[in-house]
């Protein structure tokens, strides 16, 4: 068991994660901030040989947007996911219909 597992990182290996940004009066600012933090975090220890797929799609009932982190991306961005209140999620069934962010 690694140190991050002992401290309760909250993300199991091989698990998808979802961050939902609800539609509200600060949605645009939250959306821009989230994407800025995601891209900034991606620049740290960037490895052009490794992919960390992240997808986005409108949330159910048009309540904002959801970001889906693949298992490698969930591991790489676990602190960002925790900060934004991410939750475990099943792999999206229609990945061809969602937008790839990274």
PDB file of N, CA and C in Angstrom:
ATOM      1  N   UNK A   1       0.844  -1.180   0.000  1.00  0.00           N
ATOM      2  CA  UNK A   1       0.000   0.000   0.000  1.00  0.00           C
ATOM      3  C   UNK A   1       0.889   1.243   0.000  1.00  0.00           C
ATOM      4  N   UNK A   2       0.633   2.152  -0.965  1.00  0.00           N
ATOM      5  CA  UNK A   2       1.422   3.367  -1.082  1.00  0.00           C
ATOM      6  C   UNK A   2       0.989   4.421  -0.077  1.00  0.00           C
ATOM      7  N   UNK A   3       1.802   5.446   0.026  1.00  0.00           N
ATOM      8  CA  UNK A   3       1.526   6.522   0.985  1.00  0.00           C
ATOM      9  C   UNK A   3       0.201   7.207   0.674  1.00  0.00           C
ATOM     10  N   UNK A   4      -0.072   7.467  -0.618  1.00  0.00           N
ATOM     11  CA  UNK A   4      -1.330   8.147  -0.948  1.00  0.00           C
ATOM     12  C   UNK A   4      -2.533   7.284  -0.591  1.00  0.00           C
ATOM     13  N   UNK A   5      -2.399   5.955  -0.703  1.00  0.00           N
ATOM     14  CA  UNK A   5      -3.495   5.074  -0.323  1.00  0.00           C
ATOM     15  C   UNK A   5      -3.696   5.082   1.190  1.00  0.00           C
ATOM     16  N   UNK A   6      -2.599   5.174   1.939  1.00  0.00           N
ATOM     17  CA  UNK A   6      -2.697   5.207   3.394  1.00  0.00           C
ATOM     18  C   UNK A   6      -3.373   6.490   3.863  1.00  0.00           C
ATOM     19  N   UNK A   7      -3.129   7.572   3.169  1.00  0.00           N
ATOM     20  CA  UNK A   7      -3.709   8.860   3.561  1.00  0.00           C
ATOM     21  C   UNK A   7      -5.132   9.021   3.081  1.00  0.00           C
ATOM     22  N   UNK A   8      -5.632   8.067   2.335  1.00  0.00           N
ATOM     23  CA  UNK A   8      -7.023   8.149   1.884  1.00  0.00           C
ATOM     24  C   UNK A   8      -7.210   9.084   0.723  1.00  0.00           C
ATOM     25  N   UNK A   9      -6.480   8.842  -0.372  1.00  0.00           N
ATOM     26  CA  UNK A   9      -6.597   9.710  -1.539  1.00  0.00           C
ATOM     27  C   UNK A   9      -7.999   9.676  -2.124  1.00  0.00           C
ATOM     28  N   UNK A  10      -8.751   8.604  -1.835  1.00  0.00           N
ATOM     29  CA  UNK A  10     -10.139   8.544  -2.251  1.00  0.00           C
ATOM     30  C   UNK A  10     -10.362   8.047  -3.662  1.00  0.00           C
ATOM     31  N   UNK A  11      -9.321   7.795  -4.429  1.00  0.00           N
ATOM     32  CA  UNK A  11      -9.488   7.326  -5.793  1.00  0.00           C
ATOM     33  C   UNK A  11      -8.836   5.961  -5.923  1.00  0.00           C
ATOM     34  N   UNK A  12      -9.652   4.965  -6.217  1.00  0.00           N
ATOM     35  CA  UNK A  12      -9.151   3.603  -6.373  1.00  0.00           C
ATOM     36  C   UNK A  12      -8.517   3.454  -7.754  1.00  0.00           C
ATOM     37  N   UNK A  13      -7.498   2.601  -7.842  1.00  0.00           N
ATOM     38  CA  UNK A  13      -6.844   2.340  -9.113  1.00  0.00           C
ATOM     39  C   UNK A  13      -7.857   1.787 -10.104  1.00  0.00           C
ATOM     40  N   UNK A  14      -7.803   2.256 -11.335  1.00  0.00           N
ATOM     41  CA  UNK A  14      -8.704   1.776 -12.372  1.00  0.00           C
ATOM     42  C   UNK A  14     -10.109   2.341 -12.311  1.00  0.00           C
ATOM     43  N   UNK A  15     -10.327   3.363 -11.506  1.00  0.00           N
ATOM     44  CA  UNK A  15     -11.664   3.922 -11.305  1.00  0.00           C
ATOM     45  C   UNK A  15     -11.830   5.235 -12.079  1.00  0.00           C
ATOM     46  N   UNK A  16     -12.955   5.375 -12.756  1.00  0.00           N
ATOM     47  CA  UNK A  16     -13.310   6.630 -13.414  1.00  0.00           C
ATOM     48  C   UNK A  16     -13.809   7.612 -12.360  1.00  0.00           C
ATOM     49  N   UNK A  17     -13.633   8.900 -12.621  1.00  0.00           N
ATOM     50  CA  UNK A  17     -14.114   9.940 -11.727  1.00  0.00           C
ATOM     51  C   UNK A  17     -14.908  10.962 -12.539  1.00  0.00           C
ATOM     52  N   UNK A  18     -15.835  11.625 -11.874  1.00  0.00           N
ATOM     53  CA  UNK A  18     -16.662  12.645 -12.516  1.00  0.00           C
ATOM     54  C   UNK A  18     -16.664  13.903 -11.662  1.00  0.00           C
ATOM     55  N   UNK A  19     -16.455  15.038 -12.320  1.00  0.00           N
ATOM     56  CA  UNK A  19     -16.591  16.345 -11.669  1.00  0.00           C
ATOM     57  C   UNK A  19     -17.747  17.044 -12.364  1.00  0.00           C
ATOM     58  N   UNK A  20     -18.734  17.458 -11.589  1.00  0.00           N
ATOM     59  CA  UNK A  20     -19.918  18.123 -12.131  1.00  0.00           C
ATOM     60  C   UNK A  20     -19.888  19.594 -11.744  1.00  0.00           C
ATOM     61  N   UNK A  21     -20.031  20.451 -12.740  1.00  0.00           N
ATOM     62  CA  UNK A  21     -20.159  21.889 -12.500  1.00  0.00           C
ATOM     63  C   UNK A  21     -21.602  22.269 -12.796  1.00  0.00           C
ATOM     64  N   UNK A  22     -22.398  22.516 -11.745  1.00  0.00           N
ATOM     65  CA  UNK A  22     -23.817  22.821 -11.961  1.00  0.00           C
ATOM     66  C   UNK A  22     -24.012  24.198 -12.577  1.00  0.00           C
ATOM     67  N   UNK A  23     -25.096  24.322 -13.313  1.00  0.00           N
ATOM     68  CA  UNK A  23     -25.438  25.611 -13.906  1.00  0.00           C
ATOM     69  C   UNK A  23     -25.983  26.504 -12.803  1.00  0.00           C
ATOM     70  N   UNK A  24     -25.475  27.681 -12.730  1.00  0.00           N
ATOM     71  CA  UNK A  24     -25.903  28.651 -11.730  1.00  0.00           C
ATOM     72  C   UNK A  24     -25.357  30.005 -12.122  1.00  0.00           C
ATOM     73  N   UNK A  25     -25.483  30.938 -11.245  1.00  0.00           N
ATOM     74  CA  UNK A  25     -25.058  32.287 -11.616  1.00  0.00           C
ATOM     75  C   UNK A  25     -23.555  32.436 -11.756  1.00  0.00           C
ATOM     76  N   UNK A  26     -22.765  31.534 -11.192  1.00  0.00           N
ATOM     77  CA  UNK A  26     -21.307  31.612 -11.336  1.00  0.00           C
ATOM     78  C   UNK A  26     -20.765  30.494 -12.232  1.00  0.00           C
ATOM     79  N   UNK A  27     -21.635  29.911 -13.051  1.00  0.00           N
ATOM     80  CA  UNK A  27     -21.219  28.787 -13.888  1.00  0.00           C
ATOM     81  C   UNK A  27     -20.062  29.148 -14.817  1.00  0.00           C
ATOM     82  N   UNK A  28     -20.182  30.254 -15.537  1.00  0.00           N
ATOM     83  CA  UNK A  28     -19.133  30.623 -16.506  1.00  0.00           C
ATOM     84  C   UNK A  28     -17.789  30.807 -15.822  1.00  0.00           C
ATOM     85  N   UNK A  29     -17.770  31.470 -14.685  1.00  0.00           N
ATOM     86  CA  UNK A  29     -16.512  31.681 -13.956  1.00  0.00           C
ATOM     87  C   UNK A  29     -15.956  30.351 -13.444  1.00  0.00           C
ATOM     88  N   UNK A  30     -16.825  29.490 -12.935  1.00  0.00           N
ATOM     89  CA  UNK A  30     -16.388  28.177 -12.453  1.00  0.00           C
ATOM     90  C   UNK A  30     -15.839  27.335 -13.588  1.00  0.00           C
ATOM     91  N   UNK A  31     -16.509  27.370 -14.716  1.00  0.00           N
ATOM     92  CA  UNK A  31     -16.094  26.593 -15.885  1.00  0.00           C
ATOM     93  C   UNK A  31     -14.707  27.034 -16.357  1.00  0.00           C
ATOM     94  N   UNK A  32     -14.504  28.337 -16.496  1.00  0.00           N
ATOM     95  CA  UNK A  32     -13.202  28.854 -16.934  1.00  0.00           C
ATOM     96  C   UNK A  32     -12.119  28.544 -15.914  1.00  0.00           C
ATOM     97  N   UNK A  33     -12.438  28.670 -14.645  1.00  0.00           N
ATOM     98  CA  UNK A  33     -11.462  28.378 -13.593  1.00  0.00           C
ATOM     99  C   UNK A  33     -11.078  26.908 -13.607  1.00  0.00           C
ATOM    100  N   UNK A  34     -12.065  26.030 -13.722  1.00  0.00           N
ATOM    101  CA  UNK A  34     -11.793  24.594 -13.759  1.00  0.00           C
ATOM    102  C   UNK A  34     -10.876  24.249 -14.931  1.00  0.00           C
ATOM    103  N   UNK A  35     -11.213  24.731 -16.140  1.00  0.00           N
ATOM    104  CA  UNK A  35     -10.384  24.436 -17.311  1.00  0.00           C
ATOM    105  C   UNK A  35      -8.982  25.016 -17.174  1.00  0.00           C
ATOM    106  N   UNK A  36      -8.873  26.216 -16.621  1.00  0.00           N
ATOM    107  CA  UNK A  36      -7.557  26.810 -16.398  1.00  0.00           C
ATOM    108  C   UNK A  36      -6.709  25.988 -15.443  1.00  0.00           C
ATOM    109  N   UNK A  37      -7.327  25.540 -14.361  1.00  0.00           N
ATOM    110  CA  UNK A  37      -6.599  24.707 -13.394  1.00  0.00           C
ATOM    111  C   UNK A  37      -6.220  23.366 -14.016  1.00  0.00           C
ATOM    112  N   UNK A  38      -7.101  22.794 -14.805  1.00  0.00           N
ATOM    113  CA  UNK A  38      -6.824  21.518 -15.451  1.00  0.00           C
ATOM    114  C   UNK A  38      -5.637  21.635 -16.404  1.00  0.00           C
ATOM    115  N   UNK A  39      -5.645  22.655 -17.242  1.00  0.00           N
ATOM    116  CA  UNK A  39      -4.552  22.829 -18.191  1.00  0.00           C
ATOM    117  C   UNK A  39      -3.243  23.193 -17.492  1.00  0.00           C
ATOM    118  N   UNK A  40      -3.306  23.973 -16.435  1.00  0.00           N
ATOM    119  CA  UNK A  40      -2.100  24.303 -15.680  1.00  0.00           C
ATOM    120  C   UNK A  40      -1.519  23.052 -15.023  1.00  0.00           C
ATOM    121  N   UNK A  41      -2.367  22.243 -14.447  1.00  0.00           N
ATOM    122  CA  UNK A  41      -1.925  20.998 -13.804  1.00  0.00           C
ATOM    123  C   UNK A  41      -1.344  20.044 -14.835  1.00  0.00           C
ATOM    124  N   UNK A  42      -1.894  20.051 -16.029  1.00  0.00           N
ATOM    125  CA  UNK A  42      -1.405  19.169 -17.090  1.00  0.00           C
ATOM    126  C   UNK A  42       0.016  19.531 -17.515  1.00  0.00           C
ATOM    127  N   UNK A  43       0.401  20.782 -17.354  1.00  0.00           N
ATOM    128  CA  UNK A  43       1.744  21.223 -17.744  1.00  0.00           C
ATOM    129  C   UNK A  43       2.822  20.728 -16.783  1.00  0.00           C
ATOM    130  N   UNK A  44       2.442  20.377 -15.574  1.00  0.00           N
ATOM    131  CA  UNK A  44       3.411  19.904 -14.584  1.00  0.00           C
ATOM    132  C   UNK A  44       3.784  18.468 -14.914  1.00  0.00           C
ATOM    133  N   UNK A  45       5.074  18.217 -15.045  1.00  0.00           N
ATOM    134  CA  UNK A  45       5.597  16.890 -15.377  1.00  0.00           C
ATOM    135  C   UNK A  45       4.934  16.316 -16.621  1.00  0.00           C
ATOM    136  N   UNK A  46       4.729  17.153 -17.620  1.00  0.00           N
ATOM    137  CA  UNK A  46       4.071  16.731 -18.860  1.00  0.00           C
ATOM    138  C   UNK A  46       4.892  15.655 -19.554  1.00  0.00           C
ATOM    139  N   UNK A  47       4.237  14.590 -19.959  1.00  0.00           N
ATOM    140  CA  UNK A  47       4.859  13.489 -20.688  1.00  0.00           C
ATOM    141  C   UNK A  47       4.123  13.333 -22.012  1.00  0.00           C
ATOM    142  N   UNK A  48       4.737  13.735 -23.126  1.00  0.00           N
ATOM    143  CA  UNK A  48       4.043  13.676 -24.408  1.00  0.00           C
ATOM    144  C   UNK A  48       3.742  12.249 -24.881  1.00  0.00           C
ATOM    145  N   UNK A  49       4.363  11.269 -24.272  1.00  0.00           N
ATOM    146  CA  UNK A  49       4.147   9.869 -24.661  1.00  0.00           C
ATOM    147  C   UNK A  49       2.942   9.242 -23.962  1.00  0.00           C
ATOM    148  N   UNK A  50       2.429   9.884 -22.921  1.00  0.00           N
ATOM    149  CA  UNK A  50       1.345   9.310 -22.129  1.00  0.00           C
ATOM    150  C   UNK A  50       0.076  10.128 -22.316  1.00  0.00           C
ATOM    151  N   UNK A  51      -1.035   9.444 -22.481  1.00  0.00           N
ATOM    152  CA  UNK A  51      -2.323  10.127 -22.604  1.00  0.00           C
ATOM    153  C   UNK A  51      -3.116   9.985 -21.310  1.00  0.00           C
ATOM    154  N   UNK A  52      -3.808  11.047 -20.969  1.00  0.00           N
ATOM    155  CA  UNK A  52      -4.677  11.075 -19.796  1.00  0.00           C
ATOM    156  C   UNK A  52      -6.048  11.569 -20.253  1.00  0.00           C
ATOM    157  N   UNK A  53      -6.841  10.700 -20.874  1.00  0.00           N
ATOM    158  CA  UNK A  53      -8.111  11.137 -21.461  1.00  0.00           C
ATOM    159  C   UNK A  53      -9.112  11.680 -20.443  1.00  0.00           C
ATOM    160  N   UNK A  54      -9.611  12.868 -20.769  1.00  0.00           N
ATOM    161  CA  UNK A  54     -10.663  13.511 -19.985  1.00  0.00           C
ATOM    162  C   UNK A  54     -11.720  13.967 -20.989  1.00  0.00           C
ATOM    163  N   UNK A  55     -12.975  13.718 -20.651  1.00  0.00           N
ATOM    164  CA  UNK A  55     -14.086  14.032 -21.550  1.00  0.00           C
ATOM    165  C   UNK A  55     -15.060  14.955 -20.835  1.00  0.00           C
ATOM    166  N   UNK A  56     -15.833  15.702 -21.627  1.00  0.00           N
ATOM    167  CA  UNK A  56     -16.893  16.529 -21.038  1.00  0.00           C
ATOM    168  C   UNK A  56     -18.178  16.332 -21.826  1.00  0.00           C
ATOM    169  N   UNK A  57     -19.284  16.535 -21.142  1.00  0.00           N
ATOM    170  CA  UNK A  57     -20.602  16.422 -21.759  1.00  0.00           C
ATOM    171  C   UNK A  57     -21.584  17.246 -20.942  1.00  0.00           C
ATOM    172  N   UNK A  58     -22.632  17.742 -21.592  1.00  0.00           N
ATOM    173  CA  UNK A  58     -23.668  18.431 -20.819  1.00  0.00           C
ATOM    174  C   UNK A  58     -24.246  17.480 -19.772  1.00  0.00           C
ATOM    175  N   UNK A  59     -24.498  18.010 -18.610  1.00  0.00           N
ATOM    176  CA  UNK A  59     -25.073  17.192 -17.537  1.00  0.00           C
ATOM    177  C   UNK A  59     -26.539  16.918 -17.832  1.00  0.00           C
ATOM    178  N   UNK A  60     -27.079  15.928 -17.156  1.00  0.00           N
ATOM    179  CA  UNK A  60     -28.501  15.603 -17.314  1.00  0.00           C
ATOM    180  C   UNK A  60     -29.363  16.825 -17.014  1.00  0.00           C
ATOM    181  N   UNK A  61     -30.448  16.959 -17.719  1.00  0.00           N
ATOM    182  CA  UNK A  61     -31.404  18.054 -17.527  1.00  0.00           C
ATOM    183  C   UNK A  61     -30.775  19.432 -17.739  1.00  0.00           C
ATOM    184  N   UNK A  62     -29.718  19.481 -18.543  1.00  0.00           N
ATOM    185  CA  UNK A  62     -29.027  20.749 -18.854  1.00  0.00           C
ATOM    186  C   UNK A  62     -28.567  21.482 -17.603  1.00  0.00           C
ATOM    187  N   UNK A  63     -28.213  20.731 -16.580  1.00  0.00           N
ATOM    188  CA  UNK A  63     -27.740  21.340 -15.326  1.00  0.00           C
ATOM    189  C   UNK A  63     -26.219  21.428 -15.326  1.00  0.00           C
ATOM    190  N   UNK A  64     -25.648  22.235 -16.207  1.00  0.00           N
ATOM    191  CA  UNK A  64     -24.219  22.432 -16.221  1.00  0.00           C
ATOM    192  C   UNK A  64     -23.499  21.448 -17.117  1.00  0.00           C
ATOM    193  N   UNK A  65     -22.297  21.088 -16.694  1.00  0.00           N
ATOM    194  CA  UNK A  65     -21.445  20.202 -17.482  1.00  0.00           C
ATOM    195  C   UNK A  65     -20.756  19.213 -16.550  1.00  0.00           C
ATOM    196  N   UNK A  66     -20.482  18.027 -17.076  1.00  0.00           N
ATOM    197  CA  UNK A  66     -19.767  17.009 -16.314  1.00  0.00           C
ATOM    198  C   UNK A  66     -18.465  16.680 -17.030  1.00  0.00           C
ATOM    199  N   UNK A  67     -17.419  16.465 -16.254  1.00  0.00           N
ATOM    200  CA  UNK A  67     -16.122  16.059 -16.775  1.00  0.00           C
ATOM    201  C   UNK A  67     -15.846  14.645 -16.296  1.00  0.00           C
ATOM    202  N   UNK A  68     -15.463  13.778 -17.223  1.00  0.00           N
ATOM    203  CA  UNK A  68     -15.212  12.379 -16.919  1.00  0.00           C
ATOM    204  C   UNK A  68     -13.720  12.091 -17.067  1.00  0.00           C
ATOM    205  N   UNK A  69     -13.106  11.675 -15.977  1.00  0.00           N
ATOM    206  CA  UNK A  69     -11.681  11.392 -15.942  1.00  0.00           C
ATOM    207  C   UNK A  69     -11.465   9.891 -16.071  1.00  0.00           C
ATOM    208  N   UNK A  70     -10.732   9.479 -17.115  1.00  0.00           N
ATOM    209  CA  UNK A  70     -10.389   8.071 -17.275  1.00  0.00           C
ATOM    210  C   UNK A  70      -9.496   7.659 -16.103  1.00  0.00           C
ATOM    211  N   UNK A  71      -9.329   6.367 -15.861  1.00  0.00           N
ATOM    212  CA  UNK A  71      -8.484   5.938 -14.729  1.00  0.00           C
ATOM    213  C   UNK A  71      -7.083   6.556 -14.705  1.00  0.00           C
ATOM    214  N   UNK A  72      -6.344   6.607 -15.842  1.00  0.00           N
ATOM    215  CA  UNK A  72      -5.023   7.253 -15.764  1.00  0.00           C
ATOM    216  C   UNK A  72      -5.128   8.745 -15.434  1.00  0.00           C
ATOM    217  N   UNK A  73      -6.137   9.411 -15.994  1.00  0.00           N
ATOM    218  CA  UNK A  73      -6.328  10.843 -15.717  1.00  0.00           C
ATOM    219  C   UNK A  73      -6.773  11.054 -14.272  1.00  0.00           C
ATOM    220  N   UNK A  74      -7.623  10.158 -13.767  1.00  0.00           N
ATOM    221  CA  UNK A  74      -8.088  10.275 -12.377  1.00  0.00           C
ATOM    222  C   UNK A  74      -6.913  10.172 -11.414  1.00  0.00           C
ATOM    223  N   UNK A  75      -5.973   9.305 -11.731  1.00  0.00           N
ATOM    224  CA  UNK A  75      -4.794   9.167 -10.875  1.00  0.00           C
ATOM    225  C   UNK A  75      -3.904  10.401 -10.975  1.00  0.00           C
ATOM    226  N   UNK A  76      -3.682  10.873 -12.189  1.00  0.00           N
ATOM    227  CA  UNK A  76      -2.806  12.039 -12.387  1.00  0.00           C
ATOM    228  C   UNK A  76      -3.398  13.311 -11.779  1.00  0.00           C
ATOM    229  N   UNK A  77      -4.696  13.505 -11.903  1.00  0.00           N
ATOM    230  CA  UNK A  77      -5.339  14.745 -11.456  1.00  0.00           C
ATOM    231  C   UNK A  77      -6.147  14.563 -10.176  1.00  0.00           C
ATOM    232  N   UNK A  78      -5.756  13.627  -9.333  1.00  0.00           N
ATOM    233  CA  UNK A  78      -6.545  13.307  -8.136  1.00  0.00           C
ATOM    234  C   UNK A  78      -6.715  14.497  -7.201  1.00  0.00           C
ATOM    235  N   UNK A  79      -5.724  15.364  -7.085  1.00  0.00           N
ATOM    236  CA  UNK A  79      -5.864  16.534  -6.201  1.00  0.00           C
ATOM    237  C   UNK A  79      -6.880  17.531  -6.768  1.00  0.00           C
ATOM    238  N   UNK A  80      -6.861  17.717  -8.068  1.00  0.00           N
ATOM    239  CA  UNK A  80      -7.826  18.606  -8.713  1.00  0.00           C
ATOM    240  C   UNK A  80      -9.243  18.047  -8.566  1.00  0.00           C
ATOM    241  N   UNK A  81      -9.384  16.747  -8.761  1.00  0.00           N
ATOM    242  CA  UNK A  81     -10.689  16.096  -8.626  1.00  0.00           C
ATOM    243  C   UNK A  81     -11.210  16.245  -7.202  1.00  0.00           C
ATOM    244  N   UNK A  82     -10.334  16.042  -6.245  1.00  0.00           N
ATOM    245  CA  UNK A  82     -10.738  16.178  -4.834  1.00  0.00           C
ATOM    246  C   UNK A  82     -11.156  17.619  -4.539  1.00  0.00           C
ATOM    247  N   UNK A  83     -10.398  18.601  -5.029  1.00  0.00           N
ATOM    248  CA  UNK A  83     -10.699  20.014  -4.812  1.00  0.00           C
ATOM    249  C   UNK A  83     -12.077  20.383  -5.350  1.00  0.00           C
ATOM    250  N   UNK A  84     -12.443  19.829  -6.523  1.00  0.00           N
ATOM    251  CA  UNK A  84     -13.707  20.161  -7.165  1.00  0.00           C
ATOM    252  C   UNK A  84     -14.836  19.206  -6.780  1.00  0.00           C
ATOM    253  N   UNK A  85     -14.607  18.338  -5.818  1.00  0.00           N
ATOM    254  CA  UNK A  85     -15.669  17.473  -5.311  1.00  0.00           C
ATOM    255  C   UNK A  85     -16.054  16.344  -6.246  1.00  0.00           C
ATOM    256  N   UNK A  86     -15.066  15.757  -6.929  1.00  0.00           N
ATOM    257  CA  UNK A  86     -15.325  14.661  -7.847  1.00  0.00           C
ATOM    258  C   UNK A  86     -15.844  13.417  -7.136  1.00  0.00           C
ATOM    259  N   UNK A  87     -16.528  12.586  -7.896  1.00  0.00           N
ATOM    260  CA  UNK A  87     -17.094  11.354  -7.351  1.00  0.00           C
ATOM    261  C   UNK A  87     -16.725  10.184  -8.260  1.00  0.00           C
ATOM    262  N   UNK A  88     -16.694   8.966  -7.709  1.00  0.00           N
ATOM    263  CA  UNK A  88     -16.471   7.786  -8.560  1.00  0.00           C
ATOM    264  C   UNK A  88     -17.608   7.661  -9.576  1.00  0.00           C
ATOM    265  N   UNK A  89     -17.271   7.154 -10.747  1.00  0.00           N
ATOM    266  CA  UNK A  89     -18.257   7.093 -11.818  1.00  0.00           C
ATOM    267  C   UNK A  89     -17.956   5.890 -12.701  1.00  0.00           C
ATOM    268  N   UNK A  90     -18.999   5.329 -13.308  1.00  0.00           N
ATOM    269  CA  UNK A  90     -18.794   4.251 -14.269  1.00  0.00           C
ATOM    270  C   UNK A  90     -18.294   4.845 -15.580  1.00  0.00           C
ATOM    271  N   UNK A  91     -17.558   4.042 -16.326  1.00  0.00           N
ATOM    272  CA  UNK A  91     -17.075   4.503 -17.620  1.00  0.00           C
ATOM    273  C   UNK A  91     -18.259   4.931 -18.488  1.00  0.00           C
ATOM    274  N   UNK A  92     -18.207   6.140 -19.076  1.00  0.00           N
ATOM    275  CA  UNK A  92     -19.298   6.580 -19.940  1.00  0.00           C
ATOM    276  C   UNK A  92     -19.493   5.592 -21.089  1.00  0.00           C
ATOM    277  N   UNK A  93     -20.740   5.288 -21.403  1.00  0.00           N
ATOM    278  CA  UNK A  93     -21.046   4.273 -22.412  1.00  0.00           C
ATOM    279  C   UNK A  93     -20.828   4.758 -23.839  1.00  0.00           C
ATOM    280  N   UNK A  94     -20.946   6.035 -24.082  1.00  0.00           N
ATOM    281  CA  UNK A  94     -20.874   6.557 -25.434  1.00  0.00           C
ATOM    282  C   UNK A  94     -19.744   7.580 -25.549  1.00  0.00           C
ATOM    283  N   UNK A  95     -18.515   7.119 -25.408  1.00  0.00           N
ATOM    284  CA  UNK A  95     -17.374   8.039 -25.451  1.00  0.00           C
ATOM    285  C   UNK A  95     -17.242   8.758 -26.784  1.00  0.00           C
ATOM    286  N   UNK A  96     -17.769   8.186 -27.838  1.00  0.00           N
ATOM    287  CA  UNK A  96     -17.694   8.833 -29.145  1.00  0.00           C
ATOM    288  C   UNK A  96     -18.635  10.037 -29.231  1.00  0.00           C
ATOM    289  N   UNK A  97     -19.584  10.124 -28.310  1.00  0.00           N
ATOM    290  CA  UNK A  97     -20.553  11.215 -28.343  1.00  0.00           C
ATOM    291  C   UNK A  97     -20.218  12.366 -27.398  1.00  0.00           C
ATOM    292  N   UNK A  98     -19.144  12.210 -26.632  1.00  0.00           N
ATOM    293  CA  UNK A  98     -18.741  13.260 -25.690  1.00  0.00           C
ATOM    294  C   UNK A  98     -17.502  13.968 -26.245  1.00  0.00           C
ATOM    295  N   UNK A  99     -17.213  15.124 -25.709  1.00  0.00           N
ATOM    296  CA  UNK A  99     -16.088  15.936 -26.170  1.00  0.00           C
ATOM    297  C   UNK A  99     -14.830  15.580 -25.376  1.00  0.00           C
ATOM    298  N   UNK A 100     -13.748  15.329 -26.068  1.00  0.00           N
ATOM    299  CA  UNK A 100     -12.482  15.057 -25.386  1.00  0.00           C
ATOM    300  C   UNK A 100     -11.822  16.376 -25.040  1.00  0.00           C
ATOM    301  N   UNK A 101     -11.489  16.559 -23.769  1.00  0.00           N
ATOM    302  CA  UNK A 101     -10.881  17.793 -23.278  1.00  0.00           C
ATOM    303  C   UNK A 101      -9.366  17.683 -23.335  1.00  0.00           C
ATOM    304  N   UNK A 102      -8.823  16.568 -22.858  1.00  0.00           N
ATOM    305  CA  UNK A 102      -7.375  16.301 -22.898  1.00  0.00           C
ATOM    306  C   UNK A 102      -7.133  14.943 -23.501  1.00  0.00           C
TER     307      UNK A 102
END
